Amino acid sequence: MSRWVAALRVLGVGFFIGGSILLGVLLGIWLDTKFNTHLLWVAGLILGIIIAFWGVYQMLLPLMNNKRNKENG
């Protein structure tokens, strides 16, 4: 994998984290207004953080595997 591809993948990770958390909070705020509550935005925040961590792991897994293969081979 070239350095540019790796750099773009890492750059995409940052956007993915921000987007996941933002969408989770916006979903929670929308649910708060729909059900007239005030705490569902926190559930959306937690859901966004969980999705962000899972997605980052999935995105960086190929990079970590490539590094291990180069060290072993």
N, C-alpha and C. Protein backbone atom coordinates (compact mmCIF):
# COMPACT_ATOMS: atom_id res chain seq x y z
N MET A 1 0.86 -1.17 0.00
CA MET A 1 0.00 0.00 0.00
C MET A 1 0.91 1.24 0.00
N SER A 2 0.60 2.18 -0.87
CA SER A 2 1.45 3.37 -0.95
C SER A 2 1.20 4.29 0.23
N ARG A 3 2.11 5.20 0.41
CA ARG A 3 1.99 6.14 1.53
C ARG A 3 0.78 7.05 1.37
N TRP A 4 0.45 7.41 0.12
CA TRP A 4 -0.70 8.28 -0.10
C TRP A 4 -2.01 7.60 0.27
N VAL A 5 -2.11 6.35 -0.06
CA VAL A 5 -3.33 5.60 0.29
C VAL A 5 -3.46 5.49 1.80
N ALA A 6 -2.36 5.20 2.46
CA ALA A 6 -2.38 5.11 3.93
C ALA A 6 -2.72 6.46 4.55
N ALA A 7 -2.15 7.54 4.01
CA ALA A 7 -2.43 8.88 4.55
C ALA A 7 -3.90 9.24 4.36
N LEU A 8 -4.44 8.94 3.20
CA LEU A 8 -5.86 9.24 2.96
C LEU A 8 -6.78 8.39 3.84
N ARG A 9 -6.37 7.17 4.10
CA ARG A 9 -7.17 6.31 4.98
C ARG A 9 -7.20 6.88 6.40
N VAL A 10 -6.06 7.33 6.88
CA VAL A 10 -6.00 7.91 8.23
C VAL A 10 -6.78 9.22 8.28
N LEU A 11 -6.72 10.01 7.21
CA LEU A 11 -7.49 11.25 7.15
C LEU A 11 -8.98 10.94 7.19
N GLY A 12 -9.39 9.90 6.48
CA GLY A 12 -10.78 9.50 6.49
C GLY A 12 -11.26 9.04 7.86
N VAL A 13 -10.35 8.51 8.65
CA VAL A 13 -10.70 8.08 10.01
C VAL A 13 -11.18 9.27 10.83
N GLY A 14 -10.49 10.38 10.72
CA GLY A 14 -10.88 11.58 11.47
C GLY A 14 -12.26 12.06 11.09
N PHE A 15 -12.54 12.09 9.79
CA PHE A 15 -13.87 12.49 9.34
C PHE A 15 -14.93 11.50 9.78
N PHE A 16 -14.60 10.23 9.78
CA PHE A 16 -15.55 9.20 10.21
C PHE A 16 -15.90 9.36 11.68
N ILE A 17 -14.90 9.64 12.52
CA ILE A 17 -15.16 9.82 13.96
C ILE A 17 -16.09 11.01 14.17
N GLY A 18 -15.73 12.14 13.57
CA GLY A 18 -16.56 13.33 13.74
C GLY A 18 -17.97 13.15 13.21
N GLY A 19 -18.08 12.53 12.04
CA GLY A 19 -19.40 12.31 11.46
C GLY A 19 -20.26 11.36 12.27
N SER A 20 -19.66 10.30 12.77
CA SER A 20 -20.42 9.32 13.57
C SER A 20 -20.96 9.95 14.85
N ILE A 21 -20.12 10.70 15.52
CA ILE A 21 -20.55 11.32 16.77
C ILE A 21 -21.60 12.40 16.49
N LEU A 22 -21.38 13.21 15.46
CA LEU A 22 -22.34 14.26 15.12
C LEU A 22 -23.69 13.67 14.74
N LEU A 23 -23.69 12.64 13.91
CA LEU A 23 -24.96 12.02 13.52
C LEU A 23 -25.67 11.37 14.71
N GLY A 24 -24.90 10.78 15.61
CA GLY A 24 -25.51 10.19 16.80
C GLY A 24 -26.17 11.24 17.68
N VAL A 25 -25.50 12.36 17.87
CA VAL A 25 -26.07 13.44 18.69
C VAL A 25 -27.30 14.03 18.00
N LEU A 26 -27.21 14.25 16.68
CA LEU A 26 -28.37 14.80 15.97
C LEU A 26 -29.56 13.85 16.02
N LEU A 27 -29.30 12.55 15.92
CA LEU A 27 -30.38 11.57 16.06
C LEU A 27 -30.99 11.65 17.46
N GLY A 28 -30.15 11.76 18.47
CA GLY A 28 -30.65 11.87 19.84
C GLY A 28 -31.45 13.14 20.06
N ILE A 29 -31.01 14.25 19.49
CA ILE A 29 -31.75 15.51 19.63
C ILE A 29 -33.10 15.40 18.91
N TRP A 30 -33.10 14.77 17.73
CA TRP A 30 -34.35 14.59 17.00
C TRP A 30 -35.33 13.72 17.81
N LEU A 31 -34.80 12.65 18.43
CA LEU A 31 -35.65 11.80 19.27
C LEU A 31 -36.14 12.55 20.49
N ASP A 32 -35.30 13.41 21.05
CA ASP A 32 -35.72 14.24 22.19
C ASP A 32 -36.91 15.12 21.81
N THR A 33 -36.85 15.75 20.66
CA THR A 33 -37.96 16.61 20.26
C THR A 33 -39.20 15.79 19.91
N LYS A 34 -39.01 14.61 19.34
CA LYS A 34 -40.15 13.77 18.96
C LYS A 34 -40.88 13.22 20.18
N PHE A 35 -40.14 12.81 21.21
CA PHE A 35 -40.74 12.20 22.39
C PHE A 35 -40.80 13.14 23.59
N ASN A 36 -40.42 14.40 23.38
CA ASN A 36 -40.47 15.42 24.43
C ASN A 36 -39.67 15.00 25.67
N THR A 37 -38.45 14.57 25.43
CA THR A 37 -37.54 14.20 26.53
C THR A 37 -36.31 15.09 26.45
N HIS A 38 -35.37 14.87 27.35
CA HIS A 38 -34.18 15.71 27.38
C HIS A 38 -32.88 14.93 27.54
N LEU A 39 -32.94 13.61 27.52
CA LEU A 39 -31.72 12.81 27.74
C LEU A 39 -31.37 11.87 26.59
N LEU A 40 -32.19 11.79 25.57
CA LEU A 40 -31.89 10.85 24.50
C LEU A 40 -30.70 11.29 23.66
N TRP A 41 -30.34 12.58 23.72
CA TRP A 41 -29.16 13.02 22.98
C TRP A 41 -27.92 12.35 23.55
N VAL A 42 -27.94 12.03 24.84
CA VAL A 42 -26.80 11.34 25.46
C VAL A 42 -26.71 9.91 24.91
N ALA A 43 -27.85 9.27 24.74
CA ALA A 43 -27.85 7.93 24.15
C ALA A 43 -27.32 7.99 22.72
N GLY A 44 -27.69 9.03 21.99
CA GLY A 44 -27.17 9.20 20.63
C GLY A 44 -25.68 9.45 20.64
N LEU A 45 -25.20 10.21 21.60
CA LEU A 45 -23.76 10.46 21.73
C LEU A 45 -23.01 9.16 22.00
N ILE A 46 -23.51 8.38 22.92
CA ILE A 46 -22.87 7.10 23.26
C ILE A 46 -22.90 6.16 22.06
N LEU A 47 -24.03 6.11 21.36
CA LEU A 47 -24.13 5.27 20.17
C LEU A 47 -23.14 5.74 19.10
N GLY A 48 -23.03 7.05 18.91
CA GLY A 48 -22.08 7.58 17.94
C GLY A 48 -20.64 7.25 18.29
N ILE A 49 -20.29 7.31 19.57
CA ILE A 49 -18.93 6.98 20.00
C ILE A 49 -18.64 5.50 19.78
N ILE A 50 -19.61 4.65 20.09
CA ILE A 50 -19.42 3.21 19.89
C ILE A 50 -19.24 2.91 18.40
N ILE A 51 -20.07 3.49 17.56
CA ILE A 51 -19.94 3.27 16.12
C ILE A 51 -18.61 3.81 15.62
N ALA A 52 -18.18 4.95 16.14
CA ALA A 52 -16.90 5.52 15.72
C ALA A 52 -15.73 4.61 16.08
N PHE A 53 -15.70 4.09 17.29
CA PHE A 53 -14.61 3.19 17.68
C PHE A 53 -14.60 1.92 16.84
N TRP A 54 -15.79 1.35 16.61
CA TRP A 54 -15.87 0.13 15.80
C TRP A 54 -15.40 0.40 14.37
N GLY A 55 -15.85 1.51 13.81
CA GLY A 55 -15.46 1.85 12.45
C GLY A 55 -13.98 2.13 12.31
N VAL A 56 -13.40 2.81 13.29
CA VAL A 56 -11.96 3.09 13.25
C VAL A 56 -11.18 1.78 13.32
N TYR A 57 -11.62 0.89 14.15
CA TYR A 57 -10.96 -0.42 14.25
C TYR A 57 -11.01 -1.14 12.90
N GLN A 58 -12.18 -1.12 12.26
CA GLN A 58 -12.32 -1.79 10.97
C GLN A 58 -11.47 -1.12 9.89
N MET A 59 -11.34 0.21 9.94
CA MET A 59 -10.55 0.92 8.93
C MET A 59 -9.06 0.71 9.11
N LEU A 60 -8.61 0.64 10.34
CA LEU A 60 -7.18 0.54 10.60
C LEU A 60 -6.68 -0.91 10.65
N LEU A 61 -7.56 -1.86 10.69
CA LEU A 61 -7.16 -3.26 10.74
C LEU A 61 -6.29 -3.67 9.55
N PRO A 62 -6.63 -3.28 8.31
CA PRO A 62 -5.74 -3.64 7.20
C PRO A 62 -4.36 -3.00 7.32
N LEU A 63 -4.27 -1.78 7.84
CA LEU A 63 -2.97 -1.15 8.02
C LEU A 63 -2.12 -1.89 9.05
N MET A 64 -2.76 -2.33 10.13
CA MET A 64 -2.02 -3.06 11.15
C MET A 64 -1.57 -4.42 10.62
N ASN A 65 -2.41 -5.08 9.83
CA ASN A 65 -2.03 -6.37 9.25
C ASN A 65 -0.88 -6.22 8.26
N ASN A 66 -0.89 -5.15 7.45
CA ASN A 66 0.21 -4.92 6.51
C ASN A 66 1.53 -4.71 7.25
N LYS A 67 1.48 -3.99 8.35
CA LYS A 67 2.70 -3.75 9.12
C LYS A 67 3.24 -5.05 9.70
N ARG A 68 2.37 -5.89 10.21
CA ARG A 68 2.79 -7.18 10.77
C ARG A 68 3.39 -8.07 9.69
N ASN A 69 2.76 -8.08 8.51
CA ASN A 69 3.27 -8.90 7.42
C ASN A 69 4.66 -8.46 6.98
N LYS A 70 4.92 -7.16 6.95
CA LYS A 70 6.24 -6.67 6.56
C LYS A 70 7.29 -7.02 7.60
N GLU A 71 6.90 -6.98 8.88
CA GLU A 71 7.86 -7.31 9.94
C GLU A 71 8.19 -8.80 9.94
N ASN A 72 7.22 -9.65 9.65
CA ASN A 72 7.44 -11.11 9.68
C ASN A 72 8.03 -11.63 8.37
N GLY A 73 7.84 -10.93 7.30
CA GLY A 73 8.28 -11.47 6.00
C GLY A 73 9.44 -10.80 5.44
